[in-house]
Amino acid sequence: MPLHQSPQDVKWIEELMGRRLSLRADAIIAVSNSGFTEGASLKAKQHGIILRDLKTLTVQEIRAWGFSTRV
């Protein structure tokens, strides 16, 4: 997957919203190496999408996203 040079925009957030619906996912965490536009940040906040930037993301935070379960 190529790394984007420009901040991710509202269109990308809307695409993620559509995927969330089709996958029936409980949550979305959008990770960008180039940040997010102001519009994308606002849209994500309105729809409960968690935004993270690779420049500030830590390994500990990534590990905390998931959890193990036993069936």
PDB file of N, CA and C in Angstrom:
ATOM      1  N   MET A   1       0.847  -1.174   0.000  1.00  0.00           N
ATOM      2  CA  MET A   1       0.000   0.000   0.000  1.00  0.00           C
ATOM      3  C   MET A   1       0.895   1.241   0.000  1.00  0.00           C
ATOM      4  N   PRO A   2       0.661   2.164  -0.942  1.00  0.00           N
ATOM      5  CA  PRO A   2       1.496   3.367  -1.013  1.00  0.00           C
ATOM      6  C   PRO A   2       1.210   4.313   0.150  1.00  0.00           C
ATOM      7  N   LEU A   3       2.247   5.024   0.549  1.00  0.00           N
ATOM      8  CA  LEU A   3       2.081   6.030   1.594  1.00  0.00           C
ATOM      9  C   LEU A   3       1.649   7.344   0.939  1.00  0.00           C
ATOM     10  N   HIS A   4       0.601   7.938   1.464  1.00  0.00           N
ATOM     11  CA  HIS A   4       0.076   9.190   0.920  1.00  0.00           C
ATOM     12  C   HIS A   4       0.913  10.369   1.402  1.00  0.00           C
ATOM     13  N   GLN A   5       1.090  11.322   0.522  1.00  0.00           N
ATOM     14  CA  GLN A   5       1.833  12.531   0.867  1.00  0.00           C
ATOM     15  C   GLN A   5       0.914  13.617   1.406  1.00  0.00           C
ATOM     16  N   SER A   6      -0.341  13.612   0.984  1.00  0.00           N
ATOM     17  CA  SER A   6      -1.317  14.617   1.416  1.00  0.00           C
ATOM     18  C   SER A   6      -2.185  14.055   2.535  1.00  0.00           C
ATOM     19  N   PRO A   7      -2.691  14.922   3.396  1.00  0.00           N
ATOM     20  CA  PRO A   7      -3.605  14.467   4.448  1.00  0.00           C
ATOM     21  C   PRO A   7      -4.831  13.773   3.869  1.00  0.00           C
ATOM     22  N   GLN A   8      -5.349  12.787   4.571  1.00  0.00           N
ATOM     23  CA  GLN A   8      -6.543  12.074   4.143  1.00  0.00           C
ATOM     24  C   GLN A   8      -7.755  13.000   4.291  1.00  0.00           C
ATOM     25  N   ASP A   9      -8.683  12.884   3.346  1.00  0.00           N
ATOM     26  CA  ASP A   9      -9.802  13.824   3.308  1.00  0.00           C
ATOM     27  C   ASP A   9     -11.134  13.171   3.675  1.00  0.00           C
ATOM     28  N   VAL A  10     -12.187  13.979   3.582  1.00  0.00           N
ATOM     29  CA  VAL A  10     -13.538  13.536   3.932  1.00  0.00           C
ATOM     30  C   VAL A  10     -13.958  12.328   3.092  1.00  0.00           C
ATOM     31  N   LYS A  11     -13.592  12.318   1.827  1.00  0.00           N
ATOM     32  CA  LYS A  11     -13.968  11.212   0.950  1.00  0.00           C
ATOM     33  C   LYS A  11     -13.483   9.883   1.522  1.00  0.00           C
ATOM     34  N   TRP A  12     -12.264   9.840   2.010  1.00  0.00           N
ATOM     35  CA  TRP A  12     -11.719   8.601   2.578  1.00  0.00           C
ATOM     36  C   TRP A  12     -12.497   8.196   3.833  1.00  0.00           C
ATOM     37  N   ILE A  13     -12.821   9.161   4.676  1.00  0.00           N
ATOM     38  CA  ILE A  13     -13.601   8.867   5.882  1.00  0.00           C
ATOM     39  C   ILE A  13     -14.970   8.306   5.493  1.00  0.00           C
ATOM     40  N   GLU A  14     -15.597   8.891   4.477  1.00  0.00           N
ATOM     41  CA  GLU A  14     -16.895   8.393   4.016  1.00  0.00           C
ATOM     42  C   GLU A  14     -16.788   6.974   3.461  1.00  0.00           C
ATOM     43  N   GLU A  15     -15.697   6.671   2.772  1.00  0.00           N
ATOM     44  CA  GLU A  15     -15.481   5.306   2.286  1.00  0.00           C
ATOM     45  C   GLU A  15     -15.369   4.332   3.461  1.00  0.00           C
ATOM     46  N   LEU A  16     -14.670   4.741   4.493  1.00  0.00           N
ATOM     47  CA  LEU A  16     -14.544   3.896   5.682  1.00  0.00           C
ATOM     48  C   LEU A  16     -15.889   3.699   6.365  1.00  0.00           C
ATOM     49  N   MET A  17     -16.721   4.733   6.357  1.00  0.00           N
ATOM     50  CA  MET A  17     -18.060   4.618   6.939  1.00  0.00           C
ATOM     51  C   MET A  17     -18.864   3.551   6.194  1.00  0.00           C
ATOM     52  N   GLY A  18     -18.749   3.548   4.866  1.00  0.00           N
ATOM     53  CA  GLY A  18     -19.445   2.554   4.061  1.00  0.00           C
ATOM     54  C   GLY A  18     -18.943   1.148   4.346  1.00  0.00           C
ATOM     55  N   ARG A  19     -17.649   1.004   4.503  1.00  0.00           N
ATOM     56  CA  ARG A  19     -17.087  -0.315   4.829  1.00  0.00           C
ATOM     57  C   ARG A  19     -17.545  -0.779   6.197  1.00  0.00           C
ATOM     58  N   ARG A  20     -17.621   0.168   7.125  1.00  0.00           N
ATOM     59  CA  ARG A  20     -18.084  -0.186   8.468  1.00  0.00           C
ATOM     60  C   ARG A  20     -19.486  -0.792   8.407  1.00  0.00           C
ATOM     61  N   LEU A  21     -20.366  -0.165   7.622  1.00  0.00           N
ATOM     62  CA  LEU A  21     -21.729  -0.678   7.472  1.00  0.00           C
ATOM     63  C   LEU A  21     -21.743  -2.049   6.802  1.00  0.00           C
ATOM     64  N   SER A  22     -21.008  -2.186   5.714  1.00  0.00           N
ATOM     65  CA  SER A  22     -21.055  -3.444   4.970  1.00  0.00           C
ATOM     66  C   SER A  22     -20.427  -4.597   5.748  1.00  0.00           C
ATOM     67  N   LEU A  23     -19.439  -4.295   6.572  1.00  0.00           N
ATOM     68  CA  LEU A  23     -18.786  -5.334   7.378  1.00  0.00           C
ATOM     69  C   LEU A  23     -19.437  -5.522   8.747  1.00  0.00           C
ATOM     70  N   ARG A  24     -20.374  -4.626   9.065  1.00  0.00           N
ATOM     71  CA  ARG A  24     -21.018  -4.628  10.382  1.00  0.00           C
ATOM     72  C   ARG A  24     -19.978  -4.551  11.512  1.00  0.00           C
ATOM     73  N   ALA A  25     -18.990  -3.723  11.286  1.00  0.00           N
ATOM     74  CA  ALA A  25     -17.914  -3.543  12.262  1.00  0.00           C
ATOM     75  C   ALA A  25     -18.385  -2.666  13.415  1.00  0.00           C
ATOM     76  N   ASP A  26     -17.886  -2.957  14.593  1.00  0.00           N
ATOM     77  CA  ASP A  26     -18.234  -2.164  15.769  1.00  0.00           C
ATOM     78  C   ASP A  26     -17.499  -0.829  15.796  1.00  0.00           C
ATOM     79  N   ALA A  27     -16.312  -0.798  15.198  1.00  0.00           N
ATOM     80  CA  ALA A  27     -15.508   0.420  15.272  1.00  0.00           C
ATOM     81  C   ALA A  27     -14.590   0.519  14.055  1.00  0.00           C
ATOM     82  N   ILE A  28     -14.131   1.731  13.820  1.00  0.00           N
ATOM     83  CA  ILE A  28     -13.144   1.989  12.772  1.00  0.00           C
ATOM     84  C   ILE A  28     -12.017   2.800  13.392  1.00  0.00           C
ATOM     85  N   ILE A  29     -10.802   2.388  13.098  1.00  0.00           N
ATOM     86  CA  ILE A  29      -9.629   3.170  13.456  1.00  0.00           C
ATOM     87  C   ILE A  29      -8.931   3.506  12.143  1.00  0.00           C
ATOM     88  N   ALA A  30      -8.913   4.776  11.786  1.00  0.00           N
ATOM     89  CA  ALA A  30      -8.286   5.237  10.555  1.00  0.00           C
ATOM     90  C   ALA A  30      -6.872   5.695  10.881  1.00  0.00           C
ATOM     91  N   VAL A  31      -5.900   5.101  10.220  1.00  0.00           N
ATOM     92  CA  VAL A  31      -4.496   5.425  10.478  1.00  0.00           C
ATOM     93  C   VAL A  31      -3.891   6.022   9.214  1.00  0.00           C
ATOM     94  N   SER A  32      -3.263   7.167   9.352  1.00  0.00           N
ATOM     95  CA  SER A  32      -2.666   7.860   8.220  1.00  0.00           C
ATOM     96  C   SER A  32      -1.229   8.242   8.541  1.00  0.00           C
ATOM     97  N   ASN A  33      -0.365   8.186   7.540  1.00  0.00           N
ATOM     98  CA  ASN A  33       1.005   8.658   7.729  1.00  0.00           C
ATOM     99  C   ASN A  33       1.131  10.141   7.408  1.00  0.00           C
ATOM    100  N   SER A  34       0.064  10.715   6.819  1.00  0.00           N
ATOM    101  CA  SER A  34       0.131  12.119   6.411  1.00  0.00           C
ATOM    102  C   SER A  34      -0.904  12.999   7.111  1.00  0.00           C
ATOM    103  N   GLY A  35      -1.581  12.454   8.105  1.00  0.00           N
ATOM    104  CA  GLY A  35      -2.555  13.228   8.852  1.00  0.00           C
ATOM    105  C   GLY A  35      -3.906  13.273   8.161  1.00  0.00           C
ATOM    106  N   PHE A  36      -4.767  14.181   8.619  1.00  0.00           N
ATOM    107  CA  PHE A  36      -6.140  14.288   8.128  1.00  0.00           C
ATOM    108  C   PHE A  36      -6.489  15.749   7.918  1.00  0.00           C
ATOM    109  N   THR A  37      -7.333  16.000   6.939  1.00  0.00           N
ATOM    110  CA  THR A  37      -7.807  17.370   6.751  1.00  0.00           C
ATOM    111  C   THR A  37      -8.751  17.720   7.898  1.00  0.00           C
ATOM    112  N   GLU A  38      -9.011  18.999   8.061  1.00  0.00           N
ATOM    113  CA  GLU A  38      -9.932  19.433   9.114  1.00  0.00           C
ATOM    114  C   GLU A  38     -11.321  18.838   8.895  1.00  0.00           C
ATOM    115  N   GLY A  39     -11.766  18.833   7.641  1.00  0.00           N
ATOM    116  CA  GLY A  39     -13.066  18.262   7.325  1.00  0.00           C
ATOM    117  C   GLY A  39     -13.145  16.782   7.656  1.00  0.00           C
ATOM    118  N   ALA A  40     -12.077  16.050   7.366  1.00  0.00           N
ATOM    119  CA  ALA A  40     -12.038  14.623   7.671  1.00  0.00           C
ATOM    120  C   ALA A  40     -12.083  14.406   9.181  1.00  0.00           C
ATOM    121  N   SER A  41     -11.367  15.223   9.917  1.00  0.00           N
ATOM    122  CA  SER A  41     -11.361  15.102  11.382  1.00  0.00           C
ATOM    123  C   SER A  41     -12.749  15.353  11.960  1.00  0.00           C
ATOM    124  N   LEU A  42     -13.424  16.371  11.446  1.00  0.00           N
ATOM    125  CA  LEU A  42     -14.777  16.677  11.925  1.00  0.00           C
ATOM    126  C   LEU A  42     -15.754  15.552  11.601  1.00  0.00           C
ATOM    127  N   LYS A  43     -15.696  15.040  10.370  1.00  0.00           N
ATOM    128  CA  LYS A  43     -16.592  13.966   9.947  1.00  0.00           C
ATOM    129  C   LYS A  43     -16.343  12.709  10.781  1.00  0.00           C
ATOM    130  N   ALA A  44     -15.089  12.390  11.004  1.00  0.00           N
ATOM    131  CA  ALA A  44     -14.739  11.211  11.802  1.00  0.00           C
ATOM    132  C   ALA A  44     -15.272  11.347  13.226  1.00  0.00           C
ATOM    133  N   LYS A  45     -15.127  12.528  13.800  1.00  0.00           N
ATOM    134  CA  LYS A  45     -15.614  12.752  15.162  1.00  0.00           C
ATOM    135  C   LYS A  45     -17.135  12.590  15.229  1.00  0.00           C
ATOM    136  N   GLN A  46     -17.836  13.108  14.233  1.00  0.00           N
ATOM    137  CA  GLN A  46     -19.298  13.011  14.196  1.00  0.00           C
ATOM    138  C   GLN A  46     -19.781  11.565  14.115  1.00  0.00           C
ATOM    139  N   HIS A  47     -18.959  10.691  13.539  1.00  0.00           N
ATOM    140  CA  HIS A  47     -19.375   9.309  13.309  1.00  0.00           C
ATOM    141  C   HIS A  47     -18.595   8.296  14.141  1.00  0.00           C
ATOM    142  N   GLY A  48     -17.885   8.772  15.145  1.00  0.00           N
ATOM    143  CA  GLY A  48     -17.202   7.874  16.072  1.00  0.00           C
ATOM    144  C   GLY A  48     -16.028   7.116  15.483  1.00  0.00           C
ATOM    145  N   ILE A  49     -15.396   7.673  14.466  1.00  0.00           N
ATOM    146  CA  ILE A  49     -14.224   7.046  13.861  1.00  0.00           C
ATOM    147  C   ILE A  49     -12.979   7.561  14.568  1.00  0.00           C
ATOM    148  N   ILE A  50     -12.166   6.652  15.015  1.00  0.00           N
ATOM    149  CA  ILE A  50     -10.946   6.991  15.747  1.00  0.00           C
ATOM    150  C   ILE A  50      -9.849   7.292  14.733  1.00  0.00           C
ATOM    151  N   LEU A  51      -9.189   8.429  14.866  1.00  0.00           N
ATOM    152  CA  LEU A  51      -8.107   8.813  13.964  1.00  0.00           C
ATOM    153  C   LEU A  51      -6.764   8.691  14.667  1.00  0.00           C
ATOM    154  N   ARG A  52      -5.797   8.146  13.948  1.00  0.00           N
ATOM    155  CA  ARG A  52      -4.441   8.039  14.472  1.00  0.00           C
ATOM    156  C   ARG A  52      -3.464   8.397  13.367  1.00  0.00           C
ATOM    157  N   ASP A  53      -2.357   8.999  13.772  1.00  0.00           N
ATOM    158  CA  ASP A  53      -1.290   9.406  12.857  1.00  0.00           C
ATOM    159  C   ASP A  53      -0.070   8.531  13.128  1.00  0.00           C
ATOM    160  N   LEU A  54       0.525   7.973  12.084  1.00  0.00           N
ATOM    161  CA  LEU A  54       1.675   7.089  12.267  1.00  0.00           C
ATOM    162  C   LEU A  54       2.846   7.768  12.975  1.00  0.00           C
ATOM    163  N   LYS A  55       2.905   9.085  12.885  1.00  0.00           N
ATOM    164  CA  LYS A  55       4.016   9.806  13.506  1.00  0.00           C
ATOM    165  C   LYS A  55       3.928   9.795  15.028  1.00  0.00           C
ATOM    166  N   THR A  56       2.720   9.616  15.570  1.00  0.00           N
ATOM    167  CA  THR A  56       2.544   9.653  17.021  1.00  0.00           C
ATOM    168  C   THR A  56       2.053   8.325  17.604  1.00  0.00           C
ATOM    169  N   LEU A  57       1.759   7.362  16.745  1.00  0.00           N
ATOM    170  CA  LEU A  57       1.226   6.073  17.180  1.00  0.00           C
ATOM    171  C   LEU A  57       2.308   5.229  17.856  1.00  0.00           C
ATOM    172  N   THR A  58       1.957   4.589  18.959  1.00  0.00           N
ATOM    173  CA  THR A  58       2.921   3.747  19.672  1.00  0.00           C
ATOM    174  C   THR A  58       2.529   2.270  19.562  1.00  0.00           C
ATOM    175  N   VAL A  59       3.486   1.402  19.747  1.00  0.00           N
ATOM    176  CA  VAL A  59       3.239  -0.038  19.720  1.00  0.00           C
ATOM    177  C   VAL A  59       2.252  -0.419  20.821  1.00  0.00           C
ATOM    178  N   GLN A  60       2.379   0.192  21.977  1.00  0.00           N
ATOM    179  CA  GLN A  60       1.468  -0.104  23.086  1.00  0.00           C
ATOM    180  C   GLN A  60       0.022   0.239  22.727  1.00  0.00           C
ATOM    181  N   GLU A  61      -0.161   1.345  22.030  1.00  0.00           N
ATOM    182  CA  GLU A  61      -1.510   1.740  21.630  1.00  0.00           C
ATOM    183  C   GLU A  61      -2.095   0.725  20.646  1.00  0.00           C
ATOM    184  N   ILE A  62      -1.302   0.290  19.688  1.00  0.00           N
ATOM    185  CA  ILE A  62      -1.769  -0.701  18.722  1.00  0.00           C
ATOM    186  C   ILE A  62      -2.164  -1.992  19.426  1.00  0.00           C
ATOM    187  N   ARG A  63      -1.366  -2.441  20.366  1.00  0.00           N
ATOM    188  CA  ARG A  63      -1.677  -3.665  21.103  1.00  0.00           C
ATOM    189  C   ARG A  63      -2.978  -3.541  21.888  1.00  0.00           C
ATOM    190  N   ALA A  64      -3.301  -2.342  22.335  1.00  0.00           N
ATOM    191  CA  ALA A  64      -4.512  -2.128  23.135  1.00  0.00           C
ATOM    192  C   ALA A  64      -5.780  -2.143  22.283  1.00  0.00           C
ATOM    193  N   TRP A  65      -5.661  -2.039  20.961  1.00  0.00           N
ATOM    194  CA  TRP A  65      -6.829  -2.011  20.086  1.00  0.00           C
ATOM    195  C   TRP A  65      -7.591  -3.321  20.099  1.00  0.00           C
ATOM    196  N   GLY A  66      -6.891  -4.408  20.135  1.00  0.00           N
ATOM    197  CA  GLY A  66      -7.542  -5.709  20.047  1.00  0.00           C
ATOM    198  C   GLY A  66      -7.510  -6.437  21.361  1.00  0.00           C
ATOM    199  N   PHE A  67      -8.195  -7.554  21.385  1.00  0.00           N
ATOM    200  CA  PHE A  67      -8.188  -8.384  22.580  1.00  0.00           C
ATOM    201  C   PHE A  67      -8.390  -9.834  22.163  1.00  0.00           C
ATOM    202  N   SER A  68      -7.925 -10.717  22.975  1.00  0.00           N
ATOM    203  CA  SER A  68      -8.074 -12.137  22.699  1.00  0.00           C
ATOM    204  C   SER A  68      -9.388 -12.634  23.245  1.00  0.00           C
ATOM    205  N   THR A  69      -9.925 -13.615  22.573  1.00  0.00           N
ATOM    206  CA  THR A  69     -11.148 -14.238  23.044  1.00  0.00           C
ATOM    207  C   THR A  69     -11.060 -15.729  22.794  1.00  0.00           C
ATOM    208  N   ARG A  70     -11.772 -16.467  23.556  1.00  0.00           N
ATOM    209  CA  ARG A  70     -11.767 -17.907  23.421  1.00  0.00           C
ATOM    210  C   ARG A  70     -13.197 -18.381  23.186  1.00  0.00           C
ATOM    211  N   VAL A  71     -13.359 -19.221  22.204  1.00  0.00           N
ATOM    212  CA  VAL A  71     -14.699 -19.721  21.865  1.00  0.00           C
ATOM    213  C   VAL A  71     -14.813 -21.184  22.262  1.00  0.00           C
TER     214      VAL A  71
END
